[in-house]
Amino acid sequence: MNDKIVMPVWTFGLFIVVMNTTMFNVSIPGIIHDLHISADLGSWIISSYSIGYALSTIIYSRLSDSVPIRRLVAVGLSILGLSSMFGLFVTSFHTLLAARILQSAGAGTMAGLGLVLASRYIPYERRGSAIALISAGSAMAFGLGPIVGGIISEYFGWNGLFAVTCLVLILLPILIRLLPKEEPKPFTFDVAGAVLTVLNAVTLLTAVTQRSLLWFLASVLTFAVHGWHLQKSKETFINVELLKNPSYLKLSAVGFCILVLNLGNLFLMPLALSHLFEKSPLVIGMMIAPGAILSAFLTRFVGQWIDRYGNHRFLLIGHGMLAAVMAVFALDLVSSPVIIMIGYICFAPAYSASISALNNETSRILPKKRIGSGMGLMQLIQFFGGSISVALCGLLLAVQTKVSIGTAYQHVYLILFFISLCSLGVLFWYRRSTTRGNLQGSVESAS
């Protein structure tokens, strides 16, 4: 596989898919008005895609252990492209929701299989650059999504947003030609485990967003049934061996926290710029864009530096910058919108470096036969952290009725700052245990 051609093409496809997550954010008021629905129903246009995207990511990754990647890409991008074409003509809430859910069912192929492809076919000495390219594409998409969504919605209406993801139909034949051919392997797929994973995610996220005790109890029940299933079955959707790997669990916790910080910040910044400084959606997008562009510009260098200096160093540097930005926002968010713009200019490259080094380190510790399931589960954990973050940040803002709006935002950022410190602590714990393990291995080899 010629990764110098394949990975940029793949990153462009991932850019389109991830941008589809944030493009609709600025259009929700217009959708609510045009379709005459409540704000609660309108929020499902965003959350349904996020949930489906996270779940389909691990499903495609898990299937890649048995099914050739080319076949999965053909199925996933066809579903995404055709559902996007359908979305151009929807005129009701239910058809719009169906289009978004179908989009998410296909979108997971780009996020999940990109890391599997890099881990399986790119040598470790060049893998950091490839994973950094993927991560930077995601970071830029998160940042540019609101501005692209604002421009399209203003001039073409919210239906026009679906035209962007129709572009994957052009990429499909290119990727099919470029991707390596693989022989099918014996097919083993735990359908019951996949269904239980979906139920775990949907019930827990619904319990958080709806603040419902009934949904929380339902979530506890689905997790209990899933735990029983993991003990009784041999080939499970969530690989039990991964859950017994302390290093993998620590890296998963760090990945969860990184996405909590990233999606929580991307949710809060537009709201703060609108509520505190009365900025329009287009101006908000313009203020977020510099950080995303800088992150994309630094991609090549970050990947080379990770390959040269190692994952641990960039995880620590990135985490330090993320924590610093959260601290500044917690202390001085209300003083000027420039604080937010400069903060994101620092935040976006730090996020990109952190997530690139994390995914590269995860690929390093996984045995080859576990790469599909391991990277897929890591992606699910990360996106689940982001989904939970958005729901909780909105909830924390809503319950702070006795303080000023500026103070409420600062309180939420203070919580995110403490989460960044917790993630940094787990990272030091992982580094210490890894170093100790390497020293012990060297002693055993010498003896």
Protein backbone atom coordinates (compact mmCIF):
# COMPACT_ATOMS: atom_id res chain seq x y z
CA MET A 1 0.00 0.00 0.00
CA ASN A 2 1.31 3.44 -0.95
CA ASP A 3 0.53 5.24 2.30
CA LYS A 4 1.79 8.59 0.94
CA ILE A 5 -1.24 8.59 -1.39
CA VAL A 6 -3.77 6.52 0.55
CA MET A 7 -3.56 8.36 3.88
CA PRO A 8 -4.13 11.92 2.49
CA VAL A 9 -7.14 10.66 0.50
CA TRP A 10 -8.43 8.84 3.57
CA THR A 11 -7.90 11.94 5.73
CA PHE A 12 -9.96 14.04 3.32
CA GLY A 13 -12.80 11.54 3.60
CA LEU A 14 -12.50 11.57 7.39
CA PHE A 15 -12.49 15.39 7.30
CA ILE A 16 -15.86 15.34 5.53
CA VAL A 17 -17.30 12.78 7.95
CA VAL A 18 -16.15 14.54 11.13
CA MET A 19 -17.21 17.97 9.84
CA ASN A 20 -20.69 16.52 9.43
CA THR A 21 -20.76 16.25 13.23
CA THR A 22 -20.42 20.01 13.82
CA MET A 23 -21.93 21.53 10.64
CA PHE A 24 -25.45 20.96 11.90
CA ASN A 25 -24.82 22.69 15.25
CA VAL A 26 -25.30 26.20 13.84
CA SER A 27 -28.38 25.10 11.86
CA ILE A 28 -30.40 23.69 14.76
CA PRO A 29 -32.33 26.97 15.40
CA GLY A 30 -33.35 27.06 11.73
CA ILE A 31 -34.34 23.38 11.74
CA ILE A 32 -36.46 23.87 14.88
CA HIS A 33 -38.18 26.86 13.28
CA ASP A 34 -38.75 25.27 9.86
CA LEU A 35 -40.00 21.91 11.14
CA HIS A 36 -41.96 23.36 14.11
CA ILE A 37 -40.36 21.08 16.70
CA SER A 38 -39.15 21.59 20.27
CA ALA A 39 -35.54 22.20 21.24
CA ASP A 40 -35.37 18.75 22.86
CA LEU A 41 -36.31 17.08 19.58
CA GLY A 42 -33.90 19.34 17.70
CA SER A 43 -30.99 18.20 19.87
CA TRP A 44 -31.51 14.65 18.66
CA ILE A 45 -30.41 15.74 15.17
CA ILE A 46 -26.94 16.16 16.69
CA SER A 47 -26.90 13.43 19.34
CA SER A 48 -28.33 10.69 17.07
CA TYR A 49 -25.45 11.17 14.64
CA SER A 50 -22.84 11.25 17.42
CA ILE A 51 -24.16 8.08 19.06
CA GLY A 52 -24.47 6.20 15.78
CA TYR A 53 -21.05 7.39 14.66
CA ALA A 54 -19.36 6.12 17.82
CA LEU A 55 -21.09 2.75 17.66
CA SER A 56 -20.55 2.15 13.95
CA THR A 57 -16.86 2.97 14.44
CA ILE A 58 -16.26 -0.04 16.67
CA ILE A 59 -18.52 -2.27 14.57
CA TYR A 60 -16.50 -1.64 11.40
CA SER A 61 -13.23 -2.00 13.31
CA ARG A 62 -14.35 -5.29 14.83
CA LEU A 63 -15.53 -6.59 11.44
CA SER A 64 -12.13 -5.77 9.93
CA ASP A 65 -10.66 -8.75 11.81
CA SER A 66 -12.62 -11.02 9.44
CA VAL A 67 -13.92 -8.91 6.51
CA PRO A 68 -11.58 -7.18 4.00
CA ILE A 69 -11.26 -3.43 4.56
CA ARG A 70 -12.11 -2.68 0.91
CA ARG A 71 -15.48 -4.39 1.29
CA LEU A 72 -16.27 -2.54 4.51
CA VAL A 73 -15.32 0.79 2.92
CA ALA A 74 -17.59 0.07 -0.07
CA VAL A 75 -20.54 -0.67 2.23
CA GLY A 76 -19.95 2.20 4.65
CA LEU A 77 -19.36 4.98 2.12
CA SER A 78 -22.27 3.79 -0.03
CA ILE A 79 -24.61 4.03 2.98
CA LEU A 80 -23.24 7.47 3.88
CA GLY A 81 -23.41 8.84 0.34
CA LEU A 82 -26.89 7.54 -0.47
CA SER A 83 -28.36 8.67 2.86
CA SER A 84 -26.84 12.13 2.25
CA MET A 85 -28.54 12.28 -1.16
CA PHE A 86 -31.80 11.35 0.57
CA GLY A 87 -31.21 14.11 3.12
CA LEU A 88 -31.15 16.77 0.39
CA PHE A 89 -34.90 16.31 -0.04
CA VAL A 90 -36.21 15.66 3.51
CA THR A 91 -38.97 17.97 4.73
CA SER A 92 -40.05 16.49 8.08
CA PHE A 93 -38.42 15.77 11.42
CA HIS A 94 -38.77 12.00 11.19
CA THR A 95 -37.23 11.79 7.71
CA LEU A 96 -34.44 14.16 8.79
CA LEU A 97 -33.72 12.01 11.86
CA ALA A 98 -33.73 8.87 9.71
CA ALA A 99 -31.26 10.47 7.29
CA ARG A 100 -28.91 11.41 10.15
CA ILE A 101 -29.04 7.93 11.69
CA LEU A 102 -28.32 6.33 8.31
CA GLN A 103 -25.45 8.76 7.79
CA SER A 104 -23.92 7.72 11.12
CA ALA A 105 -24.24 4.04 10.18
CA GLY A 106 -21.91 4.63 7.24
CA ALA A 107 -19.68 7.34 8.72
CA GLY A 108 -18.00 5.06 11.26
CA THR A 109 -16.07 3.32 8.51
CA MET A 110 -13.70 6.28 8.09
CA ALA A 111 -12.86 6.80 11.77
CA GLY A 112 -12.56 3.17 12.80
CA LEU A 113 -10.83 1.69 9.76
CA GLY A 114 -8.36 4.57 9.30
CA LEU A 115 -6.48 3.63 12.46
CA VAL A 116 -6.74 -0.09 11.64
CA LEU A 117 -5.32 0.60 8.17
CA ALA A 118 -2.42 2.63 9.55
CA SER A 119 -1.67 0.11 12.29
CA ARG A 120 -1.82 -2.88 9.96
CA TYR A 121 0.02 -1.65 6.87
CA ILE A 122 2.33 1.22 7.84
CA PRO A 123 5.66 0.42 9.57
CA TYR A 124 5.93 1.67 13.12
CA GLU A 125 8.73 4.12 12.28
CA ARG A 126 6.34 5.99 9.91
CA ARG A 127 3.07 5.26 11.67
CA GLY A 128 3.17 8.34 13.89
CA SER A 129 3.10 10.65 10.86
CA ALA A 130 0.12 8.78 9.37
CA ILE A 131 -1.88 8.82 12.60
CA ALA A 132 -1.02 12.50 13.15
CA LEU A 133 -2.40 13.25 9.68
CA ILE A 134 -5.66 11.50 10.55
CA SER A 135 -5.92 13.31 13.89
CA ALA A 136 -5.21 16.70 12.34
CA GLY A 137 -7.92 16.11 9.75
CA SER A 138 -10.37 15.45 12.57
CA ALA A 139 -9.23 18.51 14.53
CA MET A 140 -9.55 20.79 11.50
CA ALA A 141 -12.99 19.37 10.71
CA PHE A 142 -14.19 20.06 14.26
CA GLY A 143 -13.00 23.65 13.95
CA LEU A 144 -14.20 24.40 10.42
CA GLY A 145 -17.54 22.60 10.74
CA PRO A 146 -19.38 25.55 12.30
CA ILE A 147 -18.16 28.07 9.72
CA VAL A 148 -18.92 25.80 6.75
CA GLY A 149 -22.31 24.97 8.25
CA GLY A 150 -23.05 28.67 8.81
CA ILE A 151 -22.20 29.63 5.22
CA ILE A 152 -24.17 26.77 3.63
CA SER A 153 -27.19 27.26 5.89
CA GLU A 154 -27.29 31.00 5.22
CA TYR A 155 -27.22 30.71 1.43
CA PHE A 156 -28.65 27.27 0.66
CA GLY A 157 -30.66 26.25 3.74
CA TRP A 158 -29.98 23.37 6.11
CA ASN A 159 -30.79 20.74 3.46
CA GLY A 160 -27.68 21.93 1.64
CA LEU A 161 -25.50 20.54 4.44
CA PHE A 162 -26.14 17.04 3.12
CA ALA A 163 -24.42 17.96 -0.17
CA VAL A 164 -21.03 18.03 1.59
CA THR A 165 -21.17 14.36 2.60
CA CYS A 166 -22.32 13.37 -0.90
CA LEU A 167 -18.66 13.94 -1.86
CA VAL A 168 -17.73 10.57 -0.35
CA LEU A 169 -19.30 8.92 -3.41
CA ILE A 170 -16.49 10.49 -5.46
CA LEU A 171 -13.86 9.20 -3.03
CA LEU A 172 -15.29 5.66 -2.99
CA PRO A 173 -13.89 4.37 -6.32
CA ILE A 174 -10.53 6.04 -5.61
CA LEU A 175 -10.16 4.30 -2.26
CA ILE A 176 -11.32 0.95 -3.62
CA ARG A 177 -8.56 1.15 -6.22
CA LEU A 178 -5.84 2.22 -3.77
CA LEU A 179 -6.56 0.01 -0.75
CA PRO A 180 -4.69 -3.30 -0.41
CA LYS A 181 -6.44 -6.53 -1.29
CA GLU A 182 -7.08 -8.84 1.65
CA GLU A 183 -8.26 -12.43 1.82
CA PRO A 184 -11.44 -13.00 3.82
CA LYS A 185 -10.89 -14.78 7.13
CA PRO A 186 -13.23 -17.07 9.05
CA PHE A 187 -16.17 -14.87 10.01
CA THR A 188 -16.83 -14.58 13.72
CA PHE A 189 -19.05 -11.76 14.89
CA ASP A 190 -20.87 -11.53 18.20
CA VAL A 191 -24.23 -10.09 17.18
CA ALA A 192 -25.65 -10.25 20.71
CA GLY A 193 -22.60 -8.41 22.07
CA ALA A 194 -22.92 -5.73 19.38
CA VAL A 195 -26.60 -5.21 20.22
CA LEU A 196 -25.81 -5.00 23.93
CA THR A 197 -23.04 -2.45 23.24
CA VAL A 198 -25.54 -0.32 21.31
CA LEU A 199 -28.05 -0.60 24.17
CA ASN A 200 -25.35 0.33 26.72
CA ALA A 201 -24.49 3.51 24.85
CA VAL A 202 -28.02 4.58 23.95
CA THR A 203 -29.54 4.03 27.39
CA LEU A 204 -26.69 5.73 29.27
CA LEU A 205 -26.57 8.76 26.95
CA THR A 206 -30.36 9.06 27.04
CA ALA A 207 -30.31 8.90 30.83
CA VAL A 208 -27.79 11.76 30.92
CA THR A 209 -29.46 13.97 28.29
CA GLN A 210 -32.99 13.41 29.63
CA ARG A 211 -31.93 13.35 33.30
CA SER A 212 -34.12 10.28 33.69
CA LEU A 213 -33.86 7.81 36.58
CA LEU A 214 -35.86 5.26 34.58
CA TRP A 215 -33.38 5.37 31.69
CA PHE A 216 -30.48 5.15 34.16
CA LEU A 217 -31.94 1.98 35.69
CA ALA A 218 -32.41 0.59 32.18
CA SER A 219 -28.77 1.39 31.47
CA VAL A 220 -27.61 -0.40 34.63
CA LEU A 221 -29.65 -3.43 33.56
CA THR A 222 -28.12 -3.51 30.05
CA PHE A 223 -24.60 -3.26 31.51
CA ALA A 224 -25.36 -6.13 33.91
CA VAL A 225 -26.64 -8.31 31.07
CA HIS A 226 -23.59 -7.41 28.98
CA GLY A 227 -21.27 -8.35 31.84
CA TRP A 228 -22.99 -11.74 32.11
CA HIS A 229 -22.65 -12.18 28.34
CA LEU A 230 -18.90 -11.44 28.45
CA GLN A 231 -18.42 -14.15 31.08
CA LYS A 232 -20.47 -16.81 29.28
CA SER A 233 -19.41 -16.33 25.63
CA LYS A 234 -16.06 -17.23 24.07
CA GLU A 235 -15.91 -14.88 21.05
CA THR A 236 -17.33 -11.56 22.23
CA PHE A 237 -17.84 -8.22 20.47
CA ILE A 238 -15.93 -6.43 23.24
CA ASN A 239 -12.73 -8.42 23.47
CA VAL A 240 -12.33 -9.53 27.07
CA GLU A 241 -8.55 -9.85 26.72
CA LEU A 242 -8.33 -6.10 26.10
CA LEU A 243 -10.15 -5.41 29.36
CA LYS A 244 -7.51 -7.50 31.19
CA ASN A 245 -4.63 -5.41 29.81
CA PRO A 246 -3.72 -2.71 32.40
CA SER A 247 -1.74 -0.64 29.89
CA TYR A 248 -4.64 -0.62 27.43
CA LEU A 249 -7.11 0.37 30.14
CA LYS A 250 -4.91 3.30 31.22
CA LEU A 251 -4.57 4.55 27.66
CA SER A 252 -8.35 4.16 27.20
CA ALA A 253 -8.94 6.33 30.28
CA VAL A 254 -6.60 8.98 28.86
CA GLY A 255 -8.38 8.85 25.49
CA PHE A 256 -11.76 9.21 27.21
CA CYS A 257 -10.55 12.33 29.02
CA ILE A 258 -8.99 13.88 25.91
CA LEU A 259 -12.28 13.66 24.02
CA VAL A 260 -14.16 14.98 27.06
CA LEU A 261 -11.94 18.06 26.90
CA ASN A 262 -12.11 18.45 23.11
CA LEU A 263 -15.83 18.07 22.50
CA GLY A 264 -16.70 19.81 25.75
CA ASN A 265 -14.60 22.80 24.71
CA LEU A 266 -16.01 22.82 21.16
CA PHE A 267 -19.51 22.79 22.64
CA LEU A 268 -18.82 25.57 25.13
CA MET A 269 -16.81 28.01 22.99
CA PRO A 270 -19.57 28.85 20.45
CA LEU A 271 -22.11 29.23 23.26
CA ALA A 272 -19.80 31.49 25.25
CA LEU A 273 -19.02 33.65 22.20
CA SER A 274 -22.75 33.95 21.50
CA HIS A 275 -24.07 34.45 25.04
CA LEU A 276 -21.25 36.54 26.49
CA PHE A 277 -20.13 38.53 23.46
CA GLU A 278 -23.15 38.30 21.09
CA LYS A 279 -21.17 36.95 18.14
CA SER A 280 -22.97 35.59 15.06
CA PRO A 281 -22.52 31.97 13.91
CA LEU A 282 -20.30 33.11 11.01
CA VAL A 283 -18.06 35.19 13.29
CA ILE A 284 -17.89 32.33 15.78
CA GLY A 285 -16.69 30.04 13.02
CA MET A 286 -14.09 32.59 11.94
CA MET A 287 -12.75 32.81 15.50
CA ILE A 288 -12.49 29.03 15.86
CA ALA A 289 -10.96 28.47 12.41
CA PRO A 290 -7.39 29.75 13.12
CA GLY A 291 -6.77 27.06 15.72
CA ALA A 292 -8.04 24.34 13.39
CA ILE A 293 -5.94 25.64 10.49
CA LEU A 294 -2.81 25.84 12.63
CA SER A 295 -3.39 22.29 13.84
CA ALA A 296 -3.62 21.06 10.24
CA PHE A 297 -0.49 23.03 9.26
CA LEU A 298 1.55 21.47 12.06
CA THR A 299 0.41 17.93 11.18
CA ARG A 300 3.47 16.98 9.17
CA PHE A 301 5.88 18.21 11.81
CA VAL A 302 3.99 16.66 14.72
CA GLY A 303 3.97 13.26 13.03
CA GLN A 304 7.71 13.44 12.33
CA TRP A 305 8.43 14.57 15.89
CA ILE A 306 6.37 11.73 17.34
CA ASP A 307 8.25 9.21 15.21
CA ARG A 308 11.57 10.75 16.27
CA TYR A 309 11.06 11.55 19.95
CA GLY A 310 8.38 9.07 21.00
CA ASN A 311 4.76 9.06 22.10
CA HIS A 312 5.24 9.72 25.81
CA ARG A 313 6.88 13.09 25.33
CA PHE A 314 4.11 14.44 23.12
CA LEU A 315 1.39 13.06 25.35
CA LEU A 316 2.88 15.00 28.25
CA ILE A 317 3.45 18.20 26.25
CA GLY A 318 -0.04 18.06 24.77
CA HIS A 319 -1.67 17.38 28.13
CA GLY A 320 0.21 20.28 29.71
CA MET A 321 -1.08 22.68 27.05
CA LEU A 322 -4.64 21.36 27.31
CA ALA A 323 -4.62 21.83 31.08
CA ALA A 324 -3.16 25.35 30.73
CA VAL A 325 -5.90 26.43 28.31
CA MET A 326 -8.62 25.01 30.56
CA ALA A 327 -7.11 26.90 33.51
CA VAL A 328 -7.05 30.20 31.58
CA PHE A 329 -10.67 29.75 30.47
CA ALA A 330 -11.72 28.93 34.05
CA LEU A 331 -10.06 32.10 35.36
CA ASP A 332 -10.50 34.71 32.63
CA LEU A 333 -13.05 33.56 30.04
CA VAL A 334 -15.35 36.56 30.43
CA SER A 335 -12.78 39.30 29.84
CA SER A 336 -12.57 39.17 26.03
CA PRO A 337 -13.47 36.97 23.04
CA VAL A 338 -9.82 37.19 22.03
CA ILE A 339 -9.02 35.00 25.05
CA ILE A 340 -11.18 32.26 23.53
CA MET A 341 -9.64 32.62 20.07
CA ILE A 342 -6.05 32.55 21.33
CA GLY A 343 -6.90 29.73 23.72
CA TYR A 344 -8.18 27.56 20.87
CA ILE A 345 -5.10 28.38 18.78
CA CYS A 346 -3.12 26.69 21.58
CA PHE A 347 -5.73 24.02 22.31
CA ALA A 348 -6.24 22.57 18.81
CA PRO A 349 -2.58 21.62 18.11
CA ALA A 350 -2.24 20.27 21.65
CA TYR A 351 -5.31 18.07 21.16
CA SER A 352 -4.07 16.87 17.77
CA ALA A 353 -0.61 15.98 19.18
CA SER A 354 -2.11 14.25 22.22
CA ILE A 355 -4.60 12.11 20.33
CA SER A 356 -2.02 11.24 17.64
CA ALA A 357 0.54 10.10 20.21
CA LEU A 358 -2.14 8.22 22.15
CA ASN A 359 -3.40 6.27 19.14
CA ASN A 360 0.15 5.55 18.02
CA GLU A 361 1.05 4.26 21.49
CA THR A 362 -2.10 2.11 21.55
CA SER A 363 -1.19 0.54 18.21
CA ARG A 364 2.28 -0.21 19.61
CA ILE A 365 1.09 -2.20 22.63
CA LEU A 366 -1.58 -4.22 20.78
CA PRO A 367 -0.75 -7.61 19.25
CA LYS A 368 -1.42 -7.69 15.51
CA LYS A 369 -4.45 -9.98 15.82
CA ARG A 370 -6.07 -7.53 18.27
CA ILE A 371 -5.52 -4.32 16.29
CA GLY A 372 -9.01 -4.23 14.77
CA SER A 373 -10.89 -4.85 18.00
CA GLY A 374 -8.44 -2.84 20.12
CA MET A 375 -8.41 0.31 18.00
CA GLY A 376 -12.16 0.07 17.49
CA LEU A 377 -12.88 -0.14 21.21
CA MET A 378 -10.48 2.75 21.82
CA GLN A 379 -12.41 4.86 19.29
CA LEU A 380 -15.73 3.96 20.92
CA ILE A 381 -14.44 4.92 24.36
CA GLN A 382 -13.13 8.23 23.01
CA PHE A 383 -16.32 9.20 21.19
CA PHE A 384 -18.42 8.07 24.13
CA GLY A 385 -16.40 10.41 26.32
CA GLY A 386 -17.10 13.25 23.89
CA SER A 387 -20.84 12.51 23.82
CA ILE A 388 -21.04 12.35 27.60
CA SER A 389 -19.06 15.59 27.83
CA VAL A 390 -21.45 17.55 25.62
CA ALA A 391 -24.47 16.29 27.56
CA LEU A 392 -22.92 17.02 30.96
CA CYS A 393 -21.61 20.47 29.97
CA GLY A 394 -25.09 21.45 28.82
CA LEU A 395 -26.58 20.07 32.01
CA LEU A 396 -24.06 21.90 34.22
CA LEU A 397 -24.83 25.18 32.49
CA ALA A 398 -28.57 24.65 32.88
CA VAL A 399 -28.50 23.93 36.63
CA GLN A 400 -26.46 27.04 37.54
CA THR A 401 -29.40 29.41 37.81
CA LYS A 402 -28.15 31.45 40.79
CA VAL A 403 -24.91 32.73 39.23
CA SER A 404 -24.15 34.90 36.23
CA ILE A 405 -23.83 33.24 32.84
CA GLY A 406 -20.11 34.09 32.70
CA THR A 407 -19.49 32.50 36.09
CA ALA A 408 -21.42 29.41 35.01
CA TYR A 409 -19.11 28.93 32.03
CA GLN A 410 -16.05 29.40 34.22
CA HIS A 411 -17.31 26.77 36.66
CA VAL A 412 -17.73 24.23 33.85
CA TYR A 413 -14.24 24.99 32.55
CA LEU A 414 -12.90 24.51 36.07
CA ILE A 415 -14.33 20.99 36.06
CA LEU A 416 -12.71 20.35 32.67
CA PHE A 417 -9.42 21.59 34.13
CA PHE A 418 -9.63 19.01 36.92
CA ILE A 419 -10.39 16.31 34.34
CA SER A 420 -7.23 17.32 32.45
CA LEU A 421 -5.24 16.92 35.67
CA CYS A 422 -6.75 13.48 36.27
CA SER A 423 -5.83 12.44 32.74
CA LEU A 424 -2.30 13.72 33.27
CA GLY A 425 -2.08 11.67 36.47
CA VAL A 426 -3.17 8.48 34.66
CA LEU A 427 -0.61 9.23 31.95
CA PHE A 428 2.21 9.49 34.51
CA TRP A 429 0.97 6.23 36.05
CA TYR A 430 1.07 4.54 32.62
CA ARG A 431 4.55 5.88 31.89
CA ARG A 432 5.85 4.71 35.26
CA SER A 433 4.39 1.21 34.90
CA THR A 434 5.69 0.94 31.32
CA THR A 435 9.19 2.00 32.36
CA ARG A 436 9.12 -0.46 35.27
CA GLY A 437 7.97 -3.24 32.93
CA ASN A 438 10.75 -2.51 30.46
CA LEU A 439 13.36 -2.52 33.22
CA GLN A 440 12.03 -5.81 34.57
CA GLY A 441 12.11 -7.31 31.07
CA SER A 442 15.69 -6.19 30.58
CA VAL A 443 16.73 -7.76 33.89
CA GLU A 444 15.02 -11.03 33.00
CA SER A 445 16.68 -11.07 29.57
CA ALA A 446 20.10 -10.42 31.11
CA SER A 447 19.68 -13.22 33.61
